[in-house]
Amino acid sequence: MDYKTASPDRYDILKTFARENRKNMTLAERILWNEIRNNLLGHKFLRQHIIGDFIVDFLCWDFGLIIEVDGGYHAERNQQDSDQQREDWLTSMGYNVIRFSNEEILNNIENVITIIERNLD
C-alpha cells in the first residue's frame, strides 16, 4: 500500500477541510466513530484523514481499510462518478474501500460493525 500525500499546493486546504469535517461530523459519522474509536475493534482508526488529494472518512492504517459514509447526495449521478474515480484511485494505491449509507449506520449499526470486522481479518 503506497502512501501519497496531497500536492503541496493543496495540502493546507485539505488539512483545513479535514479539521472542519472532524468538528462537524454527521450523525451517522458520529455513531460509527463511537463504535470504532479508541481501538474498540482491536485496531486504531483515524477520521477525516488525507490520502493523496482526498479526505477519507475513516482509515484503519494497519489494514489499509477505508470506510466511507455516504449521505443522500451520493445517489446523484455526478457524485457517483466522482466517488468511483476516487475509489479506483484509492484501490490502485492498495487501499480497500467499503461504503455505508447513512441509513445503514443509523438503522443497522450491528451489521455495519460485522462487515467492518470481516474486513479486519
N, C-alpha and C. Protein backbone atom coordinates (compact mmCIF):
# COMPACT_ATOMS: atom_id res chain seq x y z
N MET A 1 0.85 -1.17 0.00
CA MET A 1 0.00 0.00 0.00
C MET A 1 0.90 1.23 0.00
N ASP A 2 0.79 2.00 -1.05
CA ASP A 2 1.59 3.22 -1.18
C ASP A 2 0.87 4.37 -0.49
N TYR A 3 1.65 5.16 0.21
CA TYR A 3 1.05 6.34 0.83
C TYR A 3 1.48 7.54 0.03
N LYS A 4 0.53 8.35 -0.34
CA LYS A 4 0.81 9.55 -1.10
C LYS A 4 0.02 10.68 -0.46
N THR A 5 0.73 11.71 -0.10
CA THR A 5 0.03 12.85 0.48
C THR A 5 -0.35 13.82 -0.63
N ALA A 6 -1.14 14.78 -0.28
CA ALA A 6 -1.64 15.75 -1.25
C ALA A 6 -0.51 16.58 -1.84
N SER A 7 -0.77 17.11 -3.01
CA SER A 7 0.16 18.05 -3.61
C SER A 7 0.38 19.21 -2.64
N PRO A 8 1.61 19.72 -2.57
CA PRO A 8 1.89 20.80 -1.60
C PRO A 8 0.95 22.00 -1.72
N ASP A 9 0.52 22.30 -2.95
CA ASP A 9 -0.36 23.45 -3.12
C ASP A 9 -1.79 23.18 -2.64
N ARG A 10 -2.12 21.92 -2.36
CA ARG A 10 -3.47 21.58 -1.90
C ARG A 10 -3.51 21.12 -0.45
N TYR A 11 -2.38 20.73 0.10
CA TYR A 11 -2.37 20.10 1.42
C TYR A 11 -2.98 21.00 2.50
N ASP A 12 -2.60 22.26 2.55
CA ASP A 12 -3.12 23.15 3.60
C ASP A 12 -4.64 23.31 3.51
N ILE A 13 -5.15 23.38 2.29
CA ILE A 13 -6.60 23.49 2.11
C ILE A 13 -7.28 22.22 2.60
N LEU A 14 -6.74 21.06 2.20
CA LEU A 14 -7.32 19.79 2.63
C LEU A 14 -7.23 19.63 4.14
N LYS A 15 -6.13 20.04 4.73
CA LYS A 15 -5.96 19.95 6.18
C LYS A 15 -7.03 20.77 6.89
N THR A 16 -7.31 21.95 6.37
CA THR A 16 -8.36 22.80 6.95
C THR A 16 -9.72 22.14 6.81
N PHE A 17 -10.01 21.59 5.63
CA PHE A 17 -11.29 20.89 5.41
C PHE A 17 -11.42 19.69 6.34
N ALA A 18 -10.33 18.93 6.48
CA ALA A 18 -10.37 17.73 7.34
C ALA A 18 -10.65 18.14 8.78
N ARG A 19 -10.02 19.18 9.24
CA ARG A 19 -10.24 19.65 10.61
C ARG A 19 -11.69 20.07 10.80
N GLU A 20 -12.25 20.79 9.83
CA GLU A 20 -13.66 21.20 9.90
C GLU A 20 -14.59 19.99 9.87
N ASN A 21 -14.27 19.01 9.04
CA ASN A 21 -15.08 17.80 8.97
C ASN A 21 -15.08 17.05 10.30
N ARG A 22 -13.94 17.03 10.99
CA ARG A 22 -13.89 16.37 12.30
C ARG A 22 -14.75 17.11 13.32
N LYS A 23 -14.79 18.42 13.22
CA LYS A 23 -15.60 19.21 14.15
C LYS A 23 -17.09 19.10 13.84
N ASN A 24 -17.44 18.85 12.59
CA ASN A 24 -18.84 18.88 12.15
C ASN A 24 -19.26 17.54 11.55
N MET A 25 -19.05 16.48 12.28
CA MET A 25 -19.41 15.16 11.78
C MET A 25 -20.94 15.04 11.67
N THR A 26 -21.37 14.25 10.68
CA THR A 26 -22.80 13.96 10.56
C THR A 26 -23.19 13.02 11.69
N LEU A 27 -24.48 12.87 11.90
CA LEU A 27 -24.97 11.95 12.92
C LEU A 27 -24.46 10.53 12.64
N ALA A 28 -24.56 10.08 11.40
CA ALA A 28 -24.10 8.73 11.05
C ALA A 28 -22.60 8.59 11.31
N GLU A 29 -21.81 9.59 10.97
CA GLU A 29 -20.37 9.53 11.23
C GLU A 29 -20.09 9.45 12.73
N ARG A 30 -20.82 10.22 13.52
CA ARG A 30 -20.63 10.19 14.98
C ARG A 30 -20.96 8.82 15.55
N ILE A 31 -22.06 8.24 15.09
CA ILE A 31 -22.46 6.92 15.58
C ILE A 31 -21.38 5.89 15.24
N LEU A 32 -20.92 5.90 13.99
CA LEU A 32 -19.89 4.95 13.60
C LEU A 32 -18.59 5.20 14.37
N TRP A 33 -18.19 6.45 14.49
CA TRP A 33 -16.96 6.78 15.22
C TRP A 33 -17.01 6.27 16.66
N ASN A 34 -18.16 6.39 17.29
CA ASN A 34 -18.29 5.90 18.67
C ASN A 34 -18.13 4.39 18.77
N GLU A 35 -18.34 3.68 17.67
CA GLU A 35 -18.20 2.22 17.65
C GLU A 35 -16.78 1.76 17.31
N ILE A 36 -16.00 2.62 16.66
CA ILE A 36 -14.68 2.18 16.18
C ILE A 36 -13.51 2.92 16.83
N ARG A 37 -13.77 3.97 17.56
CA ARG A 37 -12.69 4.78 18.15
C ARG A 37 -12.02 4.04 19.31
N ASN A 38 -10.88 4.53 19.70
CA ASN A 38 -10.14 4.02 20.86
C ASN A 38 -9.91 2.51 20.81
N ASN A 39 -9.62 2.00 19.62
CA ASN A 39 -9.31 0.57 19.45
C ASN A 39 -10.45 -0.35 19.88
N LEU A 40 -11.68 0.10 19.80
CA LEU A 40 -12.81 -0.74 20.23
C LEU A 40 -12.93 -2.02 19.41
N LEU A 41 -12.43 -2.00 18.17
CA LEU A 41 -12.45 -3.21 17.34
C LEU A 41 -11.08 -3.88 17.32
N GLY A 42 -10.20 -3.43 18.20
CA GLY A 42 -8.87 -4.01 18.28
C GLY A 42 -7.86 -3.37 17.34
N HIS A 43 -8.27 -2.30 16.64
CA HIS A 43 -7.38 -1.62 15.72
C HIS A 43 -7.67 -0.12 15.76
N LYS A 44 -6.64 0.66 15.52
CA LYS A 44 -6.78 2.12 15.54
C LYS A 44 -7.37 2.62 14.22
N PHE A 45 -8.33 3.51 14.35
CA PHE A 45 -8.91 4.19 13.19
C PHE A 45 -8.62 5.68 13.29
N LEU A 46 -8.39 6.29 12.15
CA LEU A 46 -8.25 7.74 12.03
C LEU A 46 -9.51 8.24 11.35
N ARG A 47 -9.88 9.48 11.61
CA ARG A 47 -11.05 10.04 10.93
C ARG A 47 -10.65 11.27 10.15
N GLN A 48 -11.31 11.45 9.03
CA GLN A 48 -11.07 12.58 8.14
C GLN A 48 -9.57 12.70 7.85
N HIS A 49 -9.03 11.65 7.25
CA HIS A 49 -7.60 11.55 7.00
C HIS A 49 -7.29 11.84 5.53
N ILE A 50 -6.25 12.59 5.29
CA ILE A 50 -5.86 12.96 3.93
C ILE A 50 -5.02 11.85 3.32
N ILE A 51 -5.44 11.39 2.15
CA ILE A 51 -4.66 10.45 1.33
C ILE A 51 -4.68 11.01 -0.08
N GLY A 52 -3.52 11.30 -0.61
CA GLY A 52 -3.48 11.94 -1.92
C GLY A 52 -4.20 13.27 -1.85
N ASP A 53 -5.06 13.50 -2.80
CA ASP A 53 -5.83 14.74 -2.81
C ASP A 53 -7.24 14.54 -2.27
N PHE A 54 -7.42 13.48 -1.48
CA PHE A 54 -8.73 13.14 -0.93
C PHE A 54 -8.71 13.14 0.59
N ILE A 55 -9.88 13.35 1.16
CA ILE A 55 -10.08 13.18 2.60
C ILE A 55 -11.02 11.99 2.75
N VAL A 56 -10.53 10.95 3.41
CA VAL A 56 -11.38 9.77 3.63
C VAL A 56 -12.04 9.89 4.99
N ASP A 57 -13.24 9.33 5.12
CA ASP A 57 -13.97 9.45 6.38
C ASP A 57 -13.25 8.76 7.52
N PHE A 58 -12.91 7.47 7.33
CA PHE A 58 -12.22 6.71 8.37
C PHE A 58 -11.17 5.83 7.72
N LEU A 59 -10.05 5.65 8.41
CA LEU A 59 -8.97 4.82 7.91
C LEU A 59 -8.40 3.96 9.02
N CYS A 60 -8.32 2.66 8.77
CA CYS A 60 -7.56 1.76 9.64
C CYS A 60 -6.26 1.49 8.91
N TRP A 61 -5.22 2.17 9.34
CA TRP A 61 -3.93 2.13 8.67
C TRP A 61 -3.36 0.71 8.60
N ASP A 62 -3.50 -0.07 9.68
CA ASP A 62 -2.93 -1.41 9.73
C ASP A 62 -3.42 -2.32 8.61
N PHE A 63 -4.65 -2.13 8.18
CA PHE A 63 -5.25 -2.98 7.15
C PHE A 63 -5.49 -2.24 5.84
N GLY A 64 -5.16 -0.97 5.80
CA GLY A 64 -5.42 -0.20 4.60
C GLY A 64 -6.90 -0.13 4.29
N LEU A 65 -7.71 -0.15 5.35
CA LEU A 65 -9.17 -0.17 5.19
C LEU A 65 -9.72 1.25 5.32
N ILE A 66 -10.41 1.67 4.29
CA ILE A 66 -11.07 2.98 4.28
C ILE A 66 -12.57 2.74 4.39
N ILE A 67 -13.21 3.47 5.29
CA ILE A 67 -14.66 3.40 5.44
C ILE A 67 -15.22 4.76 5.05
N GLU A 68 -16.13 4.74 4.09
CA GLU A 68 -16.80 5.97 3.66
C GLU A 68 -18.26 5.92 4.08
N VAL A 69 -18.75 7.03 4.57
CA VAL A 69 -20.15 7.17 4.98
C VAL A 69 -20.83 8.08 3.96
N ASP A 70 -21.81 7.53 3.26
CA ASP A 70 -22.44 8.25 2.16
C ASP A 70 -23.79 8.82 2.53
N GLY A 71 -23.88 10.14 2.45
CA GLY A 71 -25.14 10.83 2.64
C GLY A 71 -25.96 10.78 1.35
N GLY A 72 -27.11 11.40 1.37
CA GLY A 72 -28.04 11.34 0.25
C GLY A 72 -27.49 11.84 -1.06
N TYR A 73 -26.61 12.84 -1.04
CA TYR A 73 -26.10 13.39 -2.30
C TYR A 73 -25.23 12.39 -3.06
N HIS A 74 -24.80 11.32 -2.41
CA HIS A 74 -24.01 10.30 -3.09
C HIS A 74 -24.85 9.50 -4.08
N ALA A 75 -26.16 9.66 -4.05
CA ALA A 75 -27.04 8.98 -5.00
C ALA A 75 -27.11 9.73 -6.34
N GLU A 76 -26.63 10.97 -6.37
CA GLU A 76 -26.64 11.75 -7.60
C GLU A 76 -25.61 11.21 -8.58
N ARG A 77 -25.95 11.18 -9.84
CA ARG A 77 -25.10 10.58 -10.88
C ARG A 77 -23.68 11.18 -10.90
N ASN A 78 -23.59 12.50 -10.89
CA ASN A 78 -22.26 13.13 -10.92
C ASN A 78 -21.43 12.72 -9.71
N GLN A 79 -22.06 12.64 -8.56
CA GLN A 79 -21.34 12.26 -7.35
C GLN A 79 -20.92 10.79 -7.41
N GLN A 80 -21.78 9.94 -7.97
CA GLN A 80 -21.43 8.52 -8.12
C GLN A 80 -20.20 8.36 -9.01
N ASP A 81 -20.14 9.13 -10.10
CA ASP A 81 -18.96 9.08 -10.98
C ASP A 81 -17.71 9.54 -10.24
N SER A 82 -17.85 10.62 -9.50
CA SER A 82 -16.72 11.14 -8.73
C SER A 82 -16.28 10.14 -7.66
N ASP A 83 -17.24 9.55 -6.97
CA ASP A 83 -16.93 8.54 -5.94
C ASP A 83 -16.20 7.35 -6.55
N GLN A 84 -16.63 6.92 -7.75
CA GLN A 84 -15.99 5.77 -8.39
C GLN A 84 -14.56 6.08 -8.79
N GLN A 85 -14.32 7.27 -9.32
CA GLN A 85 -12.95 7.67 -9.68
C GLN A 85 -12.06 7.72 -8.45
N ARG A 86 -12.58 8.26 -7.40
CA ARG A 86 -11.85 8.36 -6.13
C ARG A 86 -11.54 6.96 -5.59
N GLU A 87 -12.56 6.08 -5.60
CA GLU A 87 -12.38 4.73 -5.10
C GLU A 87 -11.38 3.95 -5.96
N ASP A 88 -11.45 4.14 -7.27
CA ASP A 88 -10.50 3.48 -8.17
C ASP A 88 -9.07 3.91 -7.84
N TRP A 89 -8.86 5.20 -7.61
CA TRP A 89 -7.52 5.68 -7.29
C TRP A 89 -7.05 5.11 -5.95
N LEU A 90 -7.90 5.16 -4.95
CA LEU A 90 -7.53 4.64 -3.63
C LEU A 90 -7.22 3.14 -3.70
N THR A 91 -8.01 2.41 -4.46
CA THR A 91 -7.77 0.97 -4.64
C THR A 91 -6.43 0.73 -5.34
N SER A 92 -6.14 1.55 -6.34
CA SER A 92 -4.87 1.41 -7.06
C SER A 92 -3.68 1.68 -6.15
N MET A 93 -3.91 2.43 -5.09
CA MET A 93 -2.85 2.72 -4.12
C MET A 93 -2.75 1.64 -3.06
N GLY A 94 -3.62 0.62 -3.14
CA GLY A 94 -3.55 -0.51 -2.23
C GLY A 94 -4.56 -0.51 -1.10
N TYR A 95 -5.47 0.43 -1.09
CA TYR A 95 -6.47 0.51 -0.04
C TYR A 95 -7.70 -0.31 -0.40
N ASN A 96 -8.41 -0.78 0.62
CA ASN A 96 -9.70 -1.44 0.47
C ASN A 96 -10.75 -0.44 0.95
N VAL A 97 -11.69 -0.11 0.09
CA VAL A 97 -12.72 0.89 0.42
C VAL A 97 -14.06 0.20 0.59
N ILE A 98 -14.69 0.43 1.73
CA ILE A 98 -16.06 -0.02 1.92
C ILE A 98 -16.93 1.20 2.21
N ARG A 99 -18.15 1.13 1.71
CA ARG A 99 -19.07 2.26 1.83
C ARG A 99 -20.33 1.82 2.56
N PHE A 100 -20.83 2.75 3.37
CA PHE A 100 -22.11 2.55 4.04
C PHE A 100 -22.93 3.81 3.86
N SER A 101 -24.22 3.63 3.69
CA SER A 101 -25.10 4.79 3.62
C SER A 101 -25.40 5.26 5.05
N ASN A 102 -25.81 6.49 5.16
CA ASN A 102 -26.24 6.99 6.47
C ASN A 102 -27.31 6.08 7.06
N GLU A 103 -28.25 5.64 6.21
CA GLU A 103 -29.36 4.82 6.67
C GLU A 103 -28.88 3.49 7.24
N GLU A 104 -27.88 2.87 6.60
CA GLU A 104 -27.34 1.62 7.12
C GLU A 104 -26.78 1.81 8.52
N ILE A 105 -26.06 2.89 8.71
CA ILE A 105 -25.45 3.15 10.02
C ILE A 105 -26.52 3.49 11.05
N LEU A 106 -27.45 4.32 10.68
CA LEU A 106 -28.49 4.75 11.62
C LEU A 106 -29.44 3.62 11.99
N ASN A 107 -29.71 2.71 11.05
CA ASN A 107 -30.73 1.69 11.26
C ASN A 107 -30.20 0.30 11.56
N ASN A 108 -28.91 0.04 11.29
CA ASN A 108 -28.39 -1.31 11.48
C ASN A 108 -26.89 -1.29 11.77
N ILE A 109 -26.52 -0.57 12.81
CA ILE A 109 -25.10 -0.41 13.14
C ILE A 109 -24.44 -1.76 13.44
N GLU A 110 -25.21 -2.71 13.97
CA GLU A 110 -24.63 -4.02 14.28
C GLU A 110 -24.11 -4.70 13.01
N ASN A 111 -24.89 -4.65 11.94
CA ASN A 111 -24.46 -5.24 10.67
C ASN A 111 -23.25 -4.50 10.10
N VAL A 112 -23.27 -3.19 10.21
CA VAL A 112 -22.13 -2.38 9.74
C VAL A 112 -20.85 -2.82 10.46
N ILE A 113 -20.91 -2.97 11.75
CA ILE A 113 -19.74 -3.38 12.53
C ILE A 113 -19.30 -4.78 12.13
N THR A 114 -20.24 -5.68 11.90
CA THR A 114 -19.90 -7.04 11.46
C THR A 114 -19.13 -6.99 10.14
N ILE A 115 -19.58 -6.19 9.19
CA ILE A 115 -18.90 -6.07 7.90
C ILE A 115 -17.50 -5.49 8.08
N ILE A 116 -17.37 -4.48 8.92
CA ILE A 116 -16.06 -3.90 9.20
C ILE A 116 -15.13 -4.94 9.79
N GLU A 117 -15.63 -5.68 10.78
CA GLU A 117 -14.80 -6.70 11.44
C GLU A 117 -14.34 -7.76 10.43
N ARG A 118 -15.20 -8.15 9.51
CA ARG A 118 -14.80 -9.12 8.47
C ARG A 118 -13.65 -8.58 7.62
N ASN A 119 -13.62 -7.27 7.41
CA ASN A 119 -12.57 -6.66 6.62
C ASN A 119 -11.28 -6.45 7.41
N LEU A 120 -11.35 -6.71 8.71
CA LEU A 120 -10.17 -6.58 9.57
C LEU A 120 -9.54 -7.93 9.86
N ASP A 121 -10.05 -9.00 9.28
CA ASP A 121 -9.50 -10.34 9.49
C ASP A 121 -8.39 -10.65 8.50
